[in-house]
PDB file of N, CA and C in Angstrom:
ATOM      1  N   MET A   1     122.401  78.896  16.224  1.00  0.00           N
ATOM      2  CA  MET A   1     122.229  78.382  17.576  1.00  0.00           C
ATOM      3  C   MET A   1     122.868  77.000  17.713  1.00  0.00           C
ATOM      4  N   LYS A   2     122.764  76.192  16.658  1.00  0.00           N
ATOM      5  CA  LYS A   2     123.349  74.851  16.707  1.00  0.00           C
ATOM      6  C   LYS A   2     124.867  74.914  16.866  1.00  0.00           C
ATOM      7  N   ILE A   3     125.465  75.889  16.222  1.00  0.00           N
ATOM      8  CA  ILE A   3     126.923  76.025  16.298  1.00  0.00           C
ATOM      9  C   ILE A   3     127.341  76.418  17.716  1.00  0.00           C
ATOM     10  N   ILE A   4     126.588  77.306  18.343  1.00  0.00           N
ATOM     11  CA  ILE A   4     126.912  77.734  19.705  1.00  0.00           C
ATOM     12  C   ILE A   4     126.809  76.566  20.674  1.00  0.00           C
ATOM     13  N   VAL A   5     125.765  75.763  20.529  1.00  0.00           N
ATOM     14  CA  VAL A   5     125.585  74.598  21.400  1.00  0.00           C
ATOM     15  C   VAL A   5     126.703  73.584  21.164  1.00  0.00           C
ATOM     16  N   ALA A   6     127.079  73.371  19.903  1.00  0.00           N
ATOM     17  CA  ALA A   6     128.158  72.433  19.597  1.00  0.00           C
ATOM     18  C   ALA A   6     129.485  72.907  20.194  1.00  0.00           C
ATOM     19  N   ILE A   7     129.758  74.194  20.107  1.00  0.00           N
ATOM     20  CA  ILE A   7     130.984  74.744  20.693  1.00  0.00           C
ATOM     21  C   ILE A   7     130.962  74.577  22.203  1.00  0.00           C
ATOM     22  N   ALA A   8     129.809  74.809  22.820  1.00  0.00           N
ATOM     23  CA  ALA A   8     129.697  74.645  24.273  1.00  0.00           C
ATOM     24  C   ALA A   8     129.957  73.199  24.673  1.00  0.00           C
ATOM     25  N   PHE A   9     129.403  72.247  23.912  1.00  0.00           N
ATOM     26  CA  PHE A   9     129.663  70.843  24.208  1.00  0.00           C
ATOM     27  C   PHE A   9     131.146  70.503  24.063  1.00  0.00           C
ATOM     28  N   LEU A  10     131.786  71.047  23.054  1.00  0.00           N
ATOM     29  CA  LEU A  10     133.221  70.803  22.879  1.00  0.00           C
ATOM     30  C   LEU A  10     134.025  71.383  24.041  1.00  0.00           C
ATOM     31  N   LEU A  11     133.630  72.553  24.525  1.00  0.00           N
ATOM     32  CA  LEU A  11     134.312  73.141  25.680  1.00  0.00           C
ATOM     33  C   LEU A  11     134.125  72.287  26.928  1.00  0.00           C
ATOM     34  N   ILE A  12     132.915  71.773  27.113  1.00  0.00           N
ATOM     35  CA  ILE A  12     132.642  70.927  28.272  1.00  0.00           C
ATOM     36  C   ILE A  12     133.462  69.649  28.211  1.00  0.00           C
ATOM     37  N   ILE A  13     133.479  69.004  27.062  1.00  0.00           N
ATOM     38  CA  ILE A  13     134.237  67.756  26.909  1.00  0.00           C
ATOM     39  C   ILE A  13     135.739  68.021  27.009  1.00  0.00           C
ATOM     40  N   GLY A  14     136.209  69.136  26.443  1.00  0.00           N
ATOM     41  CA  GLY A  14     137.622  69.491  26.543  1.00  0.00           C
ATOM     42  C   GLY A  14     138.050  69.744  27.974  1.00  0.00           C
ATOM     43  N   SER A  15     137.208  70.402  28.736  1.00  0.00           N
ATOM     44  CA  SER A  15     137.518  70.650  30.143  1.00  0.00           C
ATOM     45  C   SER A  15     137.549  69.346  30.932  1.00  0.00           C
ATOM     46  N   LEU A  16     136.635  68.446  30.621  1.00  0.00           N
ATOM     47  CA  LEU A  16     136.621  67.151  31.289  1.00  0.00           C
ATOM     48  C   LEU A  16     137.874  66.338  30.936  1.00  0.00           C
ATOM     49  N   ALA A  17     138.289  66.400  29.674  1.00  0.00           N
ATOM     50  CA  ALA A  17     139.500  65.688  29.256  1.00  0.00           C
ATOM     51  C   ALA A  17     140.743  66.282  29.918  1.00  0.00           C
ATOM     52  N   SER A  18     140.787  67.609  30.030  1.00  0.00           N
ATOM     53  CA  SER A  18     141.951  68.211  30.679  1.00  0.00           C
ATOM     54  C   SER A  18     141.985  67.858  32.164  1.00  0.00           C
ATOM     55  N   ALA A  19     140.823  67.745  32.801  1.00  0.00           N
ATOM     56  CA  ALA A  19     140.791  67.328  34.211  1.00  0.00           C
ATOM     57  C   ALA A  19     141.341  65.916  34.354  1.00  0.00           C
ATOM     58  N   LEU A  20     140.974  65.040  33.433  1.00  0.00           N
ATOM     59  CA  LEU A  20     141.500  63.671  33.466  1.00  0.00           C
ATOM     60  C   LEU A  20     143.012  63.672  33.276  1.00  0.00           C
ATOM     61  N   LEU A  21     143.490  64.465  32.347  1.00  0.00           N
ATOM     62  CA  LEU A  21     144.931  64.558  32.100  1.00  0.00           C
ATOM     63  C   LEU A  21     145.667  65.085  33.328  1.00  0.00           C
ATOM     64  N   PHE A  22     145.132  66.137  33.951  1.00  0.00           N
ATOM     65  CA  PHE A  22     145.763  66.692  35.146  1.00  0.00           C
ATOM     66  C   PHE A  22     145.740  65.692  36.297  1.00  0.00           C
ATOM     67  N   MET A  23     144.645  64.947  36.415  1.00  0.00           N
ATOM     68  CA  MET A  23     144.537  63.969  37.488  1.00  0.00           C
ATOM     69  C   MET A  23     145.575  62.853  37.317  1.00  0.00           C
ATOM     70  N   MET A  24     145.783  62.427  36.088  1.00  0.00           N
ATOM     71  CA  MET A  24     146.746  61.356  35.834  1.00  0.00           C
ATOM     72  C   MET A  24     148.194  61.854  35.982  1.00  0.00           C
ATOM     73  N   ARG A  25     148.446  63.093  35.577  1.00  0.00           N
ATOM     74  CA  ARG A  25     149.803  63.626  35.594  1.00  0.00           C
ATOM     75  C   ARG A  25     150.247  64.085  36.978  1.00  0.00           C
ATOM     76  N   ASP A  26     149.366  64.796  37.682  1.00  0.00           N
ATOM     77  CA  ASP A  26     149.752  65.432  38.943  1.00  0.00           C
ATOM     78  C   ASP A  26     149.662  64.507  40.150  1.00  0.00           C
ATOM     79  N   LYS A  27     148.907  63.439  40.051  1.00  0.00           N
ATOM     80  CA  LYS A  27     148.730  62.478  41.157  1.00  0.00           C
ATOM     81  C   LYS A  27     148.228  63.159  42.434  1.00  0.00           C
ATOM     82  N   GLY A  28     147.350  64.167  42.276  1.00  0.00           N
ATOM     83  CA  GLY A  28     146.754  64.822  43.431  1.00  0.00           C
ATOM     84  C   GLY A  28     147.615  65.860  44.110  1.00  0.00           C
ATOM     85  N   LYS A  29     148.692  66.290  43.491  1.00  0.00           N
ATOM     86  CA  LYS A  29     149.598  67.251  44.128  1.00  0.00           C
ATOM     87  C   LYS A  29     149.271  68.707  43.801  1.00  0.00           C
ATOM     88  N   SER A  30     148.359  68.931  42.853  1.00  0.00           N
ATOM     89  CA  SER A  30     147.984  70.311  42.527  1.00  0.00           C
ATOM     90  C   SER A  30     146.465  70.414  42.428  1.00  0.00           C
ATOM     91  N   ASN A  31     146.007  71.626  42.301  1.00  0.00           N
ATOM     92  CA  ASN A  31     144.573  71.883  42.226  1.00  0.00           C
ATOM     93  C   ASN A  31     144.075  72.058  40.795  1.00  0.00           C
ATOM     94  N   ARG A  32     144.902  71.719  39.807  1.00  0.00           N
ATOM     95  CA  ARG A  32     144.493  71.924  38.414  1.00  0.00           C
ATOM     96  C   ARG A  32     143.285  71.075  38.044  1.00  0.00           C
ATOM     97  N   THR A  33     143.156  69.883  38.615  1.00  0.00           N
ATOM     98  CA  THR A  33     141.997  69.035  38.333  1.00  0.00           C
ATOM     99  C   THR A  33     140.726  69.691  38.851  1.00  0.00           C
ATOM    100  N   VAL A  34     140.791  70.238  40.040  1.00  0.00           N
ATOM    101  CA  VAL A  34     139.622  70.904  40.630  1.00  0.00           C
ATOM    102  C   VAL A  34     139.216  72.107  39.796  1.00  0.00           C
ATOM    103  N   TYR A  35     140.185  72.886  39.340  1.00  0.00           N
ATOM    104  CA  TYR A  35     139.876  74.050  38.516  1.00  0.00           C
ATOM    105  C   TYR A  35     139.251  73.628  37.184  1.00  0.00           C
ATOM    106  N   ALA A  36     139.764  72.569  36.570  1.00  0.00           N
ATOM    107  CA  ALA A  36     139.214  72.100  35.295  1.00  0.00           C
ATOM    108  C   ALA A  36     137.788  71.591  35.475  1.00  0.00           C
ATOM    109  N   LEU A  37     137.519  70.881  36.564  1.00  0.00           N
ATOM    110  CA  LEU A  37     136.166  70.394  36.806  1.00  0.00           C
ATOM    111  C   LEU A  37     135.219  71.541  37.163  1.00  0.00           C
ATOM    112  N   THR A  38     135.723  72.544  37.872  1.00  0.00           N
ATOM    113  CA  THR A  38     134.914  73.721  38.160  1.00  0.00           C
ATOM    114  C   THR A  38     134.557  74.454  36.874  1.00  0.00           C
ATOM    115  N   LEU A  39     135.503  74.545  35.976  1.00  0.00           N
ATOM    116  CA  LEU A  39     135.263  75.164  34.680  1.00  0.00           C
ATOM    117  C   LEU A  39     134.210  74.378  33.894  1.00  0.00           C
ATOM    118  N   ARG A  40     134.267  73.050  33.967  1.00  0.00           N
ATOM    119  CA  ARG A  40     133.291  72.203  33.273  1.00  0.00           C
ATOM    120  C   ARG A  40     131.885  72.438  33.812  1.00  0.00           C
ATOM    121  N   VAL A  41     131.758  72.528  35.116  1.00  0.00           N
ATOM    122  CA  VAL A  41     130.450  72.787  35.719  1.00  0.00           C
ATOM    123  C   VAL A  41     129.954  74.176  35.302  1.00  0.00           C
ATOM    124  N   GLY A  42     130.846  75.139  35.277  1.00  0.00           N
ATOM    125  CA  GLY A  42     130.476  76.485  34.838  1.00  0.00           C
ATOM    126  C   GLY A  42     129.990  76.507  33.401  1.00  0.00           C
ATOM    127  N   PHE A  43     130.685  75.797  32.504  1.00  0.00           N
ATOM    128  CA  PHE A  43     130.255  75.705  31.108  1.00  0.00           C
ATOM    129  C   PHE A  43     128.896  75.026  30.997  1.00  0.00           C
ATOM    130  N   SER A  44     128.666  73.999  31.803  1.00  0.00           N
ATOM    131  CA  SER A  44     127.389  73.283  31.763  1.00  0.00           C
ATOM    132  C   SER A  44     126.244  74.179  32.220  1.00  0.00           C
ATOM    133  N   VAL A  45     126.444  74.916  33.291  1.00  0.00           N
ATOM    134  CA  VAL A  45     125.416  75.830  33.784  1.00  0.00           C
ATOM    135  C   VAL A  45     125.168  76.939  32.768  1.00  0.00           C
ATOM    136  N   LEU A  46     126.228  77.453  32.177  1.00  0.00           N
ATOM    137  CA  LEU A  46     126.101  78.494  31.161  1.00  0.00           C
ATOM    138  C   LEU A  46     125.316  77.990  29.952  1.00  0.00           C
ATOM    139  N   LEU A  47     125.578  76.767  29.525  1.00  0.00           N
ATOM    140  CA  LEU A  47     124.844  76.187  28.404  1.00  0.00           C
ATOM    141  C   LEU A  47     123.370  76.043  28.747  1.00  0.00           C
ATOM    142  N   PHE A  48     123.059  75.588  29.954  1.00  0.00           N
ATOM    143  CA  PHE A  48     121.677  75.428  30.383  1.00  0.00           C
ATOM    144  C   PHE A  48     120.951  76.774  30.373  1.00  0.00           C
ATOM    145  N   ILE A  49     121.587  77.799  30.910  1.00  0.00           N
ATOM    146  CA  ILE A  49     120.980  79.135  30.940  1.00  0.00           C
ATOM    147  C   ILE A  49     120.809  79.663  29.517  1.00  0.00           C
ATOM    148  N   LEU A  50     121.794  79.420  28.662  1.00  0.00           N
ATOM    149  CA  LEU A  50     121.715  79.850  27.268  1.00  0.00           C
ATOM    150  C   LEU A  50     120.530  79.191  26.564  1.00  0.00           C
ATOM    151  N   LEU A  51     120.308  77.909  26.805  1.00  0.00           N
ATOM    152  CA  LEU A  51     119.178  77.216  26.185  1.00  0.00           C
ATOM    153  C   LEU A  51     117.848  77.748  26.710  1.00  0.00           C
ATOM    154  N   LEU A  52     117.776  78.036  27.999  1.00  0.00           N
ATOM    155  CA  LEU A  52     116.548  78.612  28.552  1.00  0.00           C
ATOM    156  C   LEU A  52     116.250  79.980  27.940  1.00  0.00           C
ATOM    157  N   LEU A  53     117.277  80.811  27.811  1.00  0.00           N
ATOM    158  CA  LEU A  53     117.083  82.133  27.228  1.00  0.00           C
ATOM    159  C   LEU A  53     116.730  82.048  25.743  1.00  0.00           C
ATOM    160  N   ALA A  54     117.345  81.129  25.031  1.00  0.00           N
ATOM    161  CA  ALA A  54     117.039  80.966  23.611  1.00  0.00           C
ATOM    162  C   ALA A  54     115.594  80.531  23.419  1.00  0.00           C
ATOM    163  N   TYR A  55     115.102  79.674  24.290  1.00  0.00           N
ATOM    164  CA  TYR A  55     113.703  79.264  24.223  1.00  0.00           C
ATOM    165  C   TYR A  55     112.779  80.432  24.543  1.00  0.00           C
ATOM    166  N   LYS A  56     113.124  81.202  25.565  1.00  0.00           N
ATOM    167  CA  LYS A  56     112.286  82.332  25.974  1.00  0.00           C
ATOM    168  C   LYS A  56     112.182  83.382  24.867  1.00  0.00           C
ATOM    169  N   PHE A  57     113.272  83.639  24.156  1.00  0.00           N
ATOM    170  CA  PHE A  57     113.271  84.648  23.105  1.00  0.00           C
ATOM    171  C   PHE A  57     112.874  84.096  21.732  1.00  0.00           C
ATOM    172  N   GLY A  58     112.514  82.823  21.684  1.00  0.00           N
ATOM    173  CA  GLY A  58     111.996  82.245  20.441  1.00  0.00           C
ATOM    174  C   GLY A  58     113.052  81.801  19.437  1.00  0.00           C
ATOM    175  N   LEU A  59     114.291  81.708  19.858  1.00  0.00           N
ATOM    176  CA  LEU A  59     115.341  81.262  18.939  1.00  0.00           C
ATOM    177  C   LEU A  59     115.274  79.766  18.692  1.00  0.00           C
ATOM    178  N   ILE A  60     114.744  79.026  19.644  1.00  0.00           N
ATOM    179  CA  ILE A  60     114.552  77.587  19.498  1.00  0.00           C
ATOM    180  C   ILE A  60     113.137  77.250  19.924  1.00  0.00           C
ATOM    181  N   GLN A  61     112.582  76.201  19.321  1.00  0.00           N
ATOM    182  CA  GLN A  61     111.255  75.730  19.690  1.00  0.00           C
ATOM    183  C   GLN A  61     111.309  74.230  19.969  1.00  0.00           C
ATOM    184  N   PRO A  62     110.502  73.765  20.920  1.00  0.00           N
ATOM    185  CA  PRO A  62     110.449  72.329  21.141  1.00  0.00           C
ATOM    186  C   PRO A  62     109.743  71.639  19.969  1.00  0.00           C
ATOM    187  N   THR A  63     110.222  70.486  19.593  1.00  0.00           N
ATOM    188  CA  THR A  63     109.615  69.775  18.459  1.00  0.00           C
ATOM    189  C   THR A  63     108.740  68.633  18.914  1.00  0.00           C
ATOM    190  N   GLY A  64     108.974  68.117  20.106  1.00  0.00           N
ATOM    191  CA  GLY A  64     108.179  66.997  20.603  1.00  0.00           C
ATOM    192  C   GLY A  64     108.533  65.710  19.890  1.00  0.00           C
ATOM    193  N   ILE A  65     107.779  64.681  20.207  1.00  0.00           N
ATOM    194  CA  ILE A  65     108.004  63.377  19.580  1.00  0.00           C
ATOM    195  C   ILE A  65     106.973  63.185  18.496  1.00  0.00           C
ATOM    196  N   HIS A  66     107.436  62.867  17.292  1.00  0.00           N
ATOM    197  CA  HIS A  66     106.521  62.701  16.144  1.00  0.00           C
ATOM    198  C   HIS A  66     106.270  61.251  15.870  1.00  0.00           C
TER     199      HIS A  66
END
């Protein structure tokens, strides 16, 4: 489960970096920045749903503050 979450975070950060690159390169002349940011939001929502499902099926447990 940790590996899946780490991969999801890398995808989110990679999409955000590509949006920054497209924004700097295209100067607002294309929609590639919007698509990259939309992809980032999609990855974030997918990660959130994945964590909720993993908790529901017992793959992860809350540890609380010790």
